[in-house]
């Protein structure tokens, strides 16, 4: 496994752990939001199934690529947050 692959794997694991901890600490409004998204997801899947195959593919590709972009952006923000933290600690003289 190459260095970049190890790095990505570690970031993914840390991110997933942080998200799970966040979900465990959600208040009622946060839980409600997840429930609403789950219900909307089911409804969206049914709507997509009712469309012609070419339109299904367009929407499915759109949703998948949007989620992939969001995932990459989350990974980037996680790394950038770590870099910003180190920079701040250096400026404060803690490192």
N, C-alpha and C. Protein backbone atom coordinates (compact mmCIF):
# COMPACT_ATOMS: atom_id res chain seq x y z
N UNK A 1 0.85 -1.18 0.00
CA UNK A 1 0.00 0.00 0.00
C UNK A 1 0.90 1.24 0.00
N UNK A 2 0.57 2.18 -0.90
CA UNK A 2 1.37 3.40 -1.00
C UNK A 2 1.02 4.38 0.12
N UNK A 3 1.91 5.32 0.33
CA UNK A 3 1.74 6.31 1.39
C UNK A 3 0.41 7.06 1.25
N UNK A 4 0.08 7.48 0.04
CA UNK A 4 -1.16 8.23 -0.18
C UNK A 4 -2.39 7.38 0.12
N UNK A 5 -2.32 6.08 -0.20
CA UNK A 5 -3.44 5.18 0.08
C UNK A 5 -3.61 4.99 1.59
N UNK A 6 -2.51 4.87 2.30
CA UNK A 6 -2.57 4.74 3.76
C UNK A 6 -3.15 6.01 4.36
N UNK A 7 -2.69 7.15 3.87
CA UNK A 7 -3.18 8.45 4.33
C UNK A 7 -4.69 8.55 4.13
N UNK A 8 -5.16 8.23 2.94
CA UNK A 8 -6.59 8.28 2.63
C UNK A 8 -7.38 7.33 3.52
N UNK A 9 -6.84 6.14 3.74
CA UNK A 9 -7.52 5.16 4.58
C UNK A 9 -7.64 5.65 6.02
N UNK A 10 -6.58 6.24 6.54
CA UNK A 10 -6.60 6.76 7.92
C UNK A 10 -7.60 7.91 8.03
N UNK A 11 -7.59 8.82 7.06
CA UNK A 11 -8.53 9.94 7.08
C UNK A 11 -9.96 9.44 7.01
N UNK A 12 -10.23 8.46 6.14
CA UNK A 12 -11.57 7.91 6.02
C UNK A 12 -12.02 7.31 7.36
N UNK A 13 -11.15 6.54 7.99
CA UNK A 13 -11.52 5.91 9.27
C UNK A 13 -11.76 6.95 10.35
N UNK A 14 -10.90 7.95 10.44
CA UNK A 14 -11.10 9.01 11.43
C UNK A 14 -12.38 9.80 11.18
N UNK A 15 -12.65 10.07 9.92
CA UNK A 15 -13.86 10.81 9.56
C UNK A 15 -15.11 10.01 9.90
N UNK A 16 -15.11 8.72 9.55
CA UNK A 16 -16.26 7.88 9.85
C UNK A 16 -16.49 7.77 11.35
N UNK A 17 -15.41 7.65 12.11
CA UNK A 17 -15.54 7.58 13.57
C UNK A 17 -16.12 8.88 14.12
N UNK A 18 -15.65 10.01 13.61
CA UNK A 18 -16.16 11.30 14.07
C UNK A 18 -17.64 11.47 13.73
N UNK A 19 -18.04 11.02 12.55
CA UNK A 19 -19.44 11.13 12.16
C UNK A 19 -20.32 10.24 13.03
N UNK A 20 -19.85 9.04 13.33
CA UNK A 20 -20.62 8.15 14.20
C UNK A 20 -20.79 8.75 15.59
N UNK A 21 -19.72 9.34 16.13
CA UNK A 21 -19.80 9.99 17.44
C UNK A 21 -20.77 11.17 17.39
N UNK A 22 -20.74 11.91 16.30
CA UNK A 22 -21.66 13.04 16.15
C UNK A 22 -23.10 12.55 16.13
N UNK A 23 -23.36 11.48 15.39
CA UNK A 23 -24.72 10.95 15.31
C UNK A 23 -25.22 10.48 16.67
N UNK A 24 -24.32 9.92 17.46
CA UNK A 24 -24.69 9.45 18.80
C UNK A 24 -25.07 10.61 19.71
N UNK A 25 -24.54 11.80 19.43
CA UNK A 25 -24.78 12.95 20.30
C UNK A 25 -25.85 13.90 19.75
N UNK A 26 -26.55 13.50 18.69
CA UNK A 26 -27.54 14.39 18.09
C UNK A 26 -28.71 14.66 19.02
N UNK A 27 -29.21 15.86 18.96
CA UNK A 27 -30.43 16.18 19.69
C UNK A 27 -31.63 15.80 18.81
N UNK A 28 -32.82 16.07 19.32
CA UNK A 28 -34.03 15.67 18.60
C UNK A 28 -34.13 16.28 17.21
N UNK A 29 -33.73 17.53 17.06
CA UNK A 29 -33.84 18.17 15.74
C UNK A 29 -32.85 17.54 14.76
N UNK A 30 -31.68 17.15 15.21
CA UNK A 30 -30.72 16.48 14.36
C UNK A 30 -31.21 15.10 13.94
N UNK A 31 -31.77 14.37 14.90
CA UNK A 31 -32.33 13.06 14.60
C UNK A 31 -33.49 13.18 13.61
N UNK A 32 -34.31 14.21 13.80
CA UNK A 32 -35.44 14.45 12.91
C UNK A 32 -34.97 14.71 11.49
N UNK A 33 -33.90 15.47 11.36
CA UNK A 33 -33.36 15.78 10.04
C UNK A 33 -32.90 14.51 9.32
N UNK A 34 -32.21 13.63 10.04
CA UNK A 34 -31.78 12.36 9.44
C UNK A 34 -32.99 11.51 9.04
N UNK A 35 -34.02 11.50 9.88
CA UNK A 35 -35.22 10.73 9.56
C UNK A 35 -35.91 11.28 8.31
N UNK A 36 -35.96 12.60 8.20
CA UNK A 36 -36.58 13.22 7.03
C UNK A 36 -35.80 12.89 5.76
N UNK A 37 -34.48 12.94 5.84
CA UNK A 37 -33.66 12.61 4.67
C UNK A 37 -33.85 11.15 4.27
N UNK A 38 -33.96 10.28 5.25
CA UNK A 38 -34.19 8.85 4.95
C UNK A 38 -35.52 8.66 4.22
N UNK A 39 -36.55 9.32 4.70
CA UNK A 39 -37.86 9.22 4.06
C UNK A 39 -37.83 9.82 2.65
N UNK A 40 -37.19 10.96 2.52
CA UNK A 40 -37.09 11.59 1.20
C UNK A 40 -36.27 10.73 0.24
N UNK A 41 -35.27 10.06 0.75
CA UNK A 41 -34.46 9.17 -0.09
C UNK A 41 -35.31 8.05 -0.67
N UNK A 42 -36.13 7.45 0.16
CA UNK A 42 -37.02 6.39 -0.31
C UNK A 42 -37.98 6.92 -1.38
N UNK A 43 -38.54 8.09 -1.13
CA UNK A 43 -39.45 8.70 -2.10
C UNK A 43 -38.73 9.02 -3.40
N UNK A 44 -37.53 9.55 -3.30
CA UNK A 44 -36.76 9.90 -4.50
C UNK A 44 -36.44 8.64 -5.32
N UNK A 45 -36.11 7.55 -4.64
CA UNK A 45 -35.83 6.29 -5.35
C UNK A 45 -37.06 5.81 -6.11
N UNK A 46 -38.23 5.94 -5.52
CA UNK A 46 -39.47 5.53 -6.19
C UNK A 46 -39.74 6.42 -7.40
N UNK A 47 -39.50 7.70 -7.26
CA UNK A 47 -39.71 8.61 -8.39
C UNK A 47 -38.75 8.27 -9.53
N UNK A 48 -37.49 8.03 -9.18
CA UNK A 48 -36.50 7.68 -10.21
C UNK A 48 -36.91 6.40 -10.93
N UNK A 49 -37.42 5.42 -10.19
CA UNK A 49 -37.83 4.15 -10.80
C UNK A 49 -38.96 4.34 -11.81
N UNK A 50 -39.76 5.38 -11.61
CA UNK A 50 -40.91 5.61 -12.50
C UNK A 50 -40.51 6.30 -13.80
N UNK A 51 -39.28 6.74 -13.89
CA UNK A 51 -38.82 7.47 -15.08
C UNK A 51 -38.29 6.50 -16.13
N UNK A 52 -38.23 6.97 -17.37
CA UNK A 52 -37.59 6.16 -18.42
C UNK A 52 -36.13 5.89 -18.05
N UNK A 53 -35.60 4.80 -18.57
CA UNK A 53 -34.27 4.34 -18.18
C UNK A 53 -33.18 5.40 -18.40
N UNK A 54 -33.23 6.14 -19.50
CA UNK A 54 -32.19 7.14 -19.75
C UNK A 54 -32.24 8.27 -18.72
N UNK A 55 -33.45 8.64 -18.29
CA UNK A 55 -33.58 9.68 -17.27
C UNK A 55 -33.17 9.15 -15.89
N UNK A 56 -33.45 7.87 -15.63
CA UNK A 56 -33.00 7.25 -14.39
C UNK A 56 -31.48 7.34 -14.27
N UNK A 57 -30.81 7.01 -15.38
CA UNK A 57 -29.35 7.02 -15.39
C UNK A 57 -28.81 8.42 -15.13
N UNK A 58 -29.42 9.42 -15.74
CA UNK A 58 -28.98 10.80 -15.54
C UNK A 58 -29.09 11.19 -14.07
N UNK A 59 -30.24 10.93 -13.48
CA UNK A 59 -30.44 11.30 -12.07
C UNK A 59 -29.55 10.49 -11.14
N UNK A 60 -29.43 9.19 -11.41
CA UNK A 60 -28.58 8.34 -10.57
C UNK A 60 -27.13 8.80 -10.65
N UNK A 61 -26.66 9.08 -11.86
CA UNK A 61 -25.29 9.59 -12.03
C UNK A 61 -25.10 10.91 -11.30
N UNK A 62 -26.10 11.78 -11.41
CA UNK A 62 -26.03 13.07 -10.73
C UNK A 62 -25.92 12.89 -9.21
N UNK A 63 -26.79 12.06 -8.63
CA UNK A 63 -26.75 11.84 -7.18
C UNK A 63 -25.43 11.22 -6.74
N UNK A 64 -24.95 10.24 -7.50
CA UNK A 64 -23.70 9.57 -7.14
C UNK A 64 -22.52 10.54 -7.21
N UNK A 65 -22.46 11.32 -8.27
CA UNK A 65 -21.34 12.26 -8.43
C UNK A 65 -21.41 13.39 -7.41
N UNK A 66 -22.61 13.85 -7.09
CA UNK A 66 -22.76 14.88 -6.07
C UNK A 66 -22.27 14.35 -4.72
N UNK A 67 -22.65 13.13 -4.39
CA UNK A 67 -22.20 12.53 -3.14
C UNK A 67 -20.69 12.30 -3.13
N UNK A 68 -20.13 11.92 -4.27
CA UNK A 68 -18.69 11.72 -4.37
C UNK A 68 -17.94 13.03 -4.15
N UNK A 69 -18.45 14.11 -4.77
CA UNK A 69 -17.84 15.43 -4.57
C UNK A 69 -17.92 15.82 -3.10
N UNK A 70 -19.07 15.63 -2.48
CA UNK A 70 -19.23 15.98 -1.06
C UNK A 70 -18.27 15.17 -0.19
N UNK A 71 -18.09 13.89 -0.53
CA UNK A 71 -17.15 13.05 0.21
C UNK A 71 -15.72 13.57 0.08
N UNK A 72 -15.32 13.92 -1.13
CA UNK A 72 -13.98 14.46 -1.35
C UNK A 72 -13.79 15.79 -0.64
N UNK A 73 -14.83 16.60 -0.65
CA UNK A 73 -14.74 17.89 0.04
C UNK A 73 -14.61 17.70 1.55
N UNK A 74 -15.32 16.72 2.09
CA UNK A 74 -15.21 16.42 3.53
C UNK A 74 -13.79 15.98 3.88
N UNK A 75 -13.22 15.11 3.04
CA UNK A 75 -11.85 14.67 3.28
C UNK A 75 -10.89 15.86 3.22
N UNK A 76 -11.08 16.72 2.23
CA UNK A 76 -10.22 17.90 2.10
C UNK A 76 -10.34 18.80 3.33
N UNK A 77 -11.57 19.04 3.78
CA UNK A 77 -11.78 19.90 4.94
C UNK A 77 -11.18 19.30 6.20
N UNK A 78 -11.23 17.98 6.32
CA UNK A 78 -10.64 17.31 7.48
C UNK A 78 -9.14 17.56 7.50
N UNK A 79 -8.49 17.35 6.37
CA UNK A 79 -7.05 17.56 6.28
C UNK A 79 -6.71 19.04 6.50
N UNK A 80 -7.48 19.92 5.86
CA UNK A 80 -7.22 21.35 6.01
C UNK A 80 -7.40 21.78 7.46
N UNK A 81 -8.38 21.22 8.14
CA UNK A 81 -8.59 21.53 9.56
C UNK A 81 -7.39 21.13 10.40
N UNK A 82 -6.82 19.97 10.09
CA UNK A 82 -5.63 19.51 10.82
C UNK A 82 -4.45 20.46 10.55
N UNK A 83 -4.28 20.86 9.28
CA UNK A 83 -3.20 21.79 8.94
C UNK A 83 -3.40 23.13 9.64
N UNK A 84 -4.64 23.62 9.63
CA UNK A 84 -4.93 24.89 10.28
C UNK A 84 -4.66 24.81 11.78
N UNK A 85 -4.98 23.68 12.38
CA UNK A 85 -4.75 23.49 13.81
C UNK A 85 -3.25 23.54 14.12
N UNK A 86 -2.46 22.84 13.32
CA UNK A 86 -1.01 22.85 13.53
C UNK A 86 -0.46 24.26 13.36
N UNK A 87 -0.91 24.97 12.32
CA UNK A 87 -0.45 26.34 12.10
C UNK A 87 -0.81 27.24 13.28
N UNK A 88 -2.02 27.11 13.78
CA UNK A 88 -2.46 27.90 14.92
C UNK A 88 -1.63 27.58 16.16
N UNK A 89 -1.39 26.31 16.41
CA UNK A 89 -0.58 25.91 17.57
C UNK A 89 0.84 26.45 17.46
N UNK A 90 1.38 26.46 16.25
CA UNK A 90 2.72 27.04 16.05
C UNK A 90 2.71 28.53 16.36
N UNK A 91 1.69 29.25 15.88
CA UNK A 91 1.60 30.69 16.11
C UNK A 91 1.41 31.02 17.58
N UNK A 92 0.74 30.11 18.30
CA UNK A 92 0.54 30.31 19.74
C UNK A 92 1.75 29.89 20.56
N UNK A 93 2.72 29.27 19.88
CA UNK A 93 3.94 28.83 20.57
C UNK A 93 3.79 27.50 21.29
N UNK A 94 2.70 26.79 20.99
CA UNK A 94 2.49 25.50 21.63
C UNK A 94 3.28 24.39 20.95
N UNK A 95 3.72 24.63 19.74
CA UNK A 95 4.56 23.66 19.00
C UNK A 95 5.88 24.27 18.62
